Amino acid sequence: MKTQRGASTLGILIAVLFFGSLVTLAIKLGPIYLDDITVQEALEGLDDTENLGQMRKADIRKLIQKRMSVNNVREFDPKLIEIETEDGVVKLSLAYDRRTNLFQNIDAIVHFEHAYEMRGK
């Protein structure tokens, strides 16, 4: 019986702290990644837009803003998207950072970069 032992109090405490940290990271960073997936889908969906290559940059930006509003992405500024049009091809490039507080004075910064080429319908 002396060779069989259970987990020590210190071992259990370390395991609880480790898994608690993982859950905290998932809760804090999960919504940021979900918003980025929504941003990607909204930008990729522009390829189905009629006459996209002939639209002005301001109109494309308004269209993106509407898509973000419908998908409830609040912390995104469409001015961050660089739009270039040439010969009916629209090139979108986007680079942005999101910051969130993990706990007390420790923050996490997540950086995203995306680039798309679209012609529209």
C-alpha atoms as a PDB file:
ATOM      1  CA  MET A   1       0.000   0.000   0.000  1.00  0.00           C
ATOM      2  CA  LYS A   2       2.870   2.383   0.587  1.00  0.00           C
ATOM      3  CA  THR A   3       3.843   2.365  -3.115  1.00  0.00           C
ATOM      4  CA  GLN A   4       0.360   3.385  -4.252  1.00  0.00           C
ATOM      5  CA  ARG A   5      -0.256   7.069  -3.877  1.00  0.00           C
ATOM      6  CA  GLY A   6      -2.736   9.575  -5.272  1.00  0.00           C
ATOM      7  CA  ALA A   7      -2.029  13.012  -6.666  1.00  0.00           C
ATOM      8  CA  SER A   8      -0.502  15.472  -4.254  1.00  0.00           C
ATOM      9  CA  THR A   9      -2.185  18.719  -3.340  1.00  0.00           C
ATOM     10  CA  LEU A  10       0.517  20.632  -5.185  1.00  0.00           C
ATOM     11  CA  GLY A  11       0.040  18.501  -8.320  1.00  0.00           C
ATOM     12  CA  ILE A  12      -3.710  19.080  -8.311  1.00  0.00           C
ATOM     13  CA  LEU A  13      -3.216  22.842  -7.773  1.00  0.00           C
ATOM     14  CA  ILE A  14      -0.800  23.048 -10.716  1.00  0.00           C
ATOM     15  CA  ALA A  15      -3.190  21.097 -12.964  1.00  0.00           C
ATOM     16  CA  VAL A  16      -6.135  23.343 -11.996  1.00  0.00           C
ATOM     17  CA  LEU A  17      -4.080  26.492 -12.658  1.00  0.00           C
ATOM     18  CA  PHE A  18      -2.899  25.159 -16.033  1.00  0.00           C
ATOM     19  CA  PHE A  19      -6.365  24.215 -17.263  1.00  0.00           C
ATOM     20  CA  GLY A  20      -7.838  27.410 -15.814  1.00  0.00           C
ATOM     21  CA  SER A  21      -5.304  29.408 -17.844  1.00  0.00           C
ATOM     22  CA  LEU A  22      -6.254  27.519 -21.009  1.00  0.00           C
ATOM     23  CA  VAL A  23      -9.956  28.206 -20.430  1.00  0.00           C
ATOM     24  CA  THR A  24      -9.223  31.894 -19.803  1.00  0.00           C
ATOM     25  CA  LEU A  25      -7.262  32.130 -23.055  1.00  0.00           C
ATOM     26  CA  ALA A  26     -10.071  30.436 -24.972  1.00  0.00           C
ATOM     27  CA  ILE A  27     -12.695  32.764 -23.487  1.00  0.00           C
ATOM     28  CA  LYS A  28     -10.658  35.919 -24.155  1.00  0.00           C
ATOM     29  CA  LEU A  29      -9.179  35.081 -27.584  1.00  0.00           C
ATOM     30  CA  GLY A  30     -12.020  33.018 -29.057  1.00  0.00           C
ATOM     31  CA  PRO A  31     -14.303  35.972 -29.911  1.00  0.00           C
ATOM     32  CA  ILE A  32     -11.404  37.811 -31.568  1.00  0.00           C
ATOM     33  CA  TYR A  33     -10.739  34.883 -33.910  1.00  0.00           C
ATOM     34  CA  LEU A  34     -14.466  34.433 -34.591  1.00  0.00           C
ATOM     35  CA  ASP A  35     -14.706  38.119 -35.576  1.00  0.00           C
ATOM     36  CA  ASP A  36     -11.731  37.676 -37.914  1.00  0.00           C
ATOM     37  CA  ILE A  37     -13.399  34.687 -39.568  1.00  0.00           C
ATOM     38  CA  THR A  38     -16.510  36.832 -40.064  1.00  0.00           C
ATOM     39  CA  VAL A  39     -14.387  39.627 -41.585  1.00  0.00           C
ATOM     40  CA  GLN A  40     -12.784  37.127 -43.980  1.00  0.00           C
ATOM     41  CA  GLU A  41     -16.174  35.753 -45.046  1.00  0.00           C
ATOM     42  CA  ALA A  42     -17.552  39.250 -45.593  1.00  0.00           C
ATOM     43  CA  LEU A  43     -14.589  40.230 -47.768  1.00  0.00           C
ATOM     44  CA  GLU A  44     -14.643  36.968 -49.725  1.00  0.00           C
ATOM     45  CA  GLY A  45     -18.373  37.430 -50.288  1.00  0.00           C
ATOM     46  CA  LEU A  46     -17.683  40.632 -52.205  1.00  0.00           C
ATOM     47  CA  ASP A  47     -16.625  38.491 -55.162  1.00  0.00           C
ATOM     48  CA  ASP A  48     -20.326  37.746 -55.781  1.00  0.00           C
ATOM     49  CA  THR A  49     -21.168  41.456 -56.146  1.00  0.00           C
ATOM     50  CA  GLU A  50     -22.402  42.706 -59.504  1.00  0.00           C
ATOM     51  CA  ASN A  51     -20.046  45.178 -61.269  1.00  0.00           C
ATOM     52  CA  LEU A  52     -17.528  45.137 -58.428  1.00  0.00           C
ATOM     53  CA  GLY A  53     -14.691  46.142 -60.761  1.00  0.00           C
ATOM     54  CA  GLN A  54     -16.524  49.326 -61.813  1.00  0.00           C
ATOM     55  CA  MET A  55     -17.489  50.453 -58.282  1.00  0.00           C
ATOM     56  CA  ARG A  56     -15.782  53.387 -56.607  1.00  0.00           C
ATOM     57  CA  LYS A  57     -13.620  52.783 -53.541  1.00  0.00           C
ATOM     58  CA  ALA A  58     -16.096  54.617 -51.309  1.00  0.00           C
ATOM     59  CA  ASP A  59     -18.946  52.382 -52.511  1.00  0.00           C
ATOM     60  CA  ILE A  60     -16.893  49.241 -51.852  1.00  0.00           C
ATOM     61  CA  ARG A  61     -16.056  50.518 -48.370  1.00  0.00           C
ATOM     62  CA  LYS A  62     -19.765  51.213 -47.661  1.00  0.00           C
ATOM     63  CA  LEU A  63     -20.640  47.714 -48.843  1.00  0.00           C
ATOM     64  CA  ILE A  64     -18.036  46.252 -46.488  1.00  0.00           C
ATOM     65  CA  GLN A  65     -19.359  48.396 -43.617  1.00  0.00           C
ATOM     66  CA  LYS A  66     -22.896  47.114 -44.212  1.00  0.00           C
ATOM     67  CA  ARG A  67     -21.684  43.512 -44.170  1.00  0.00           C
ATOM     68  CA  MET A  68     -19.829  44.085 -40.907  1.00  0.00           C
ATOM     69  CA  SER A  69     -22.879  45.698 -39.353  1.00  0.00           C
ATOM     70  CA  VAL A  70     -25.150  42.832 -40.406  1.00  0.00           C
ATOM     71  CA  ASN A  71     -22.691  40.289 -38.993  1.00  0.00           C
ATOM     72  CA  ASN A  72     -22.382  42.247 -35.711  1.00  0.00           C
ATOM     73  CA  VAL A  73     -18.660  42.964 -36.021  1.00  0.00           C
ATOM     74  CA  ARG A  74     -18.392  46.180 -34.031  1.00  0.00           C
ATOM     75  CA  GLU A  75     -14.675  46.648 -33.411  1.00  0.00           C
ATOM     76  CA  PHE A  76     -13.587  46.830 -37.020  1.00  0.00           C
ATOM     77  CA  ASP A  77     -12.739  49.959 -38.973  1.00  0.00           C
ATOM     78  CA  PRO A  78     -13.260  49.591 -42.752  1.00  0.00           C
ATOM     79  CA  LYS A  79     -10.738  52.410 -43.272  1.00  0.00           C
ATOM     80  CA  LEU A  80      -8.039  49.834 -42.497  1.00  0.00           C
ATOM     81  CA  ILE A  81      -8.761  48.091 -45.798  1.00  0.00           C
ATOM     82  CA  GLU A  82      -6.570  49.216 -48.675  1.00  0.00           C
ATOM     83  CA  ILE A  83      -8.516  49.077 -51.938  1.00  0.00           C
ATOM     84  CA  GLU A  84      -6.889  49.157 -55.365  1.00  0.00           C
ATOM     85  CA  THR A  85      -8.733  48.804 -58.656  1.00  0.00           C
ATOM     86  CA  GLU A  86      -7.140  48.204 -62.024  1.00  0.00           C
ATOM     87  CA  ASP A  87      -8.586  46.711 -65.200  1.00  0.00           C
ATOM     88  CA  GLY A  88     -11.742  45.515 -63.451  1.00  0.00           C
ATOM     89  CA  VAL A  89      -9.816  43.699 -60.713  1.00  0.00           C
ATOM     90  CA  VAL A  90     -10.270  44.838 -57.132  1.00  0.00           C
ATOM     91  CA  LYS A  91      -7.386  44.164 -54.772  1.00  0.00           C
ATOM     92  CA  LEU A  92      -8.128  44.311 -51.067  1.00  0.00           C
ATOM     93  CA  SER A  93      -5.432  44.132 -48.422  1.00  0.00           C
ATOM     94  CA  LEU A  94      -6.024  44.296 -44.725  1.00  0.00           C
ATOM     95  CA  ALA A  95      -3.685  44.253 -41.734  1.00  0.00           C
ATOM     96  CA  TYR A  96      -4.948  44.971 -38.243  1.00  0.00           C
ATOM     97  CA  ASP A  97      -4.315  44.185 -34.587  1.00  0.00           C
ATOM     98  CA  ARG A  98      -6.757  43.360 -31.830  1.00  0.00           C
ATOM     99  CA  ARG A  99      -5.854  43.751 -28.187  1.00  0.00           C
ATOM    100  CA  THR A 100      -7.561  42.246 -25.178  1.00  0.00           C
ATOM    101  CA  ASN A 101      -6.866  42.228 -21.479  1.00  0.00           C
ATOM    102  CA  LEU A 102      -6.188  38.733 -20.151  1.00  0.00           C
ATOM    103  CA  PHE A 103      -5.986  39.631 -16.482  1.00  0.00           C
ATOM    104  CA  GLN A 104      -4.723  42.535 -14.391  1.00  0.00           C
ATOM    105  CA  ASN A 105      -1.933  44.189 -16.393  1.00  0.00           C
ATOM    106  CA  ILE A 106      -1.330  41.385 -18.913  1.00  0.00           C
ATOM    107  CA  ASP A 107      -2.657  41.966 -22.434  1.00  0.00           C
ATOM    108  CA  ALA A 108      -2.712  39.831 -25.549  1.00  0.00           C
ATOM    109  CA  ILE A 109      -2.254  41.332 -29.010  1.00  0.00           C
ATOM    110  CA  VAL A 110      -3.397  39.345 -32.044  1.00  0.00           C
ATOM    111  CA  HIS A 111      -2.272  40.415 -35.531  1.00  0.00           C
ATOM    112  CA  PHE A 112      -4.194  39.547 -38.704  1.00  0.00           C
ATOM    113  CA  GLU A 113      -3.263  40.040 -42.383  1.00  0.00           C
ATOM    114  CA  HIS A 114      -5.413  39.238 -45.408  1.00  0.00           C
ATOM    115  CA  ALA A 115      -5.187  39.951 -49.142  1.00  0.00           C
ATOM    116  CA  TYR A 116      -7.787  39.289 -51.859  1.00  0.00           C
ATOM    117  CA  GLU A 117      -8.152  39.777 -55.628  1.00  0.00           C
ATOM    118  CA  MET A 118     -11.694  39.895 -56.972  1.00  0.00           C
ATOM    119  CA  ARG A 119     -13.463  40.567 -60.231  1.00  0.00           C
ATOM    120  CA  GLY A 120     -17.102  40.429 -59.202  1.00  0.00           C
ATOM    121  CA  LYS A 121     -19.834  39.114 -61.457  1.00  0.00           C
END
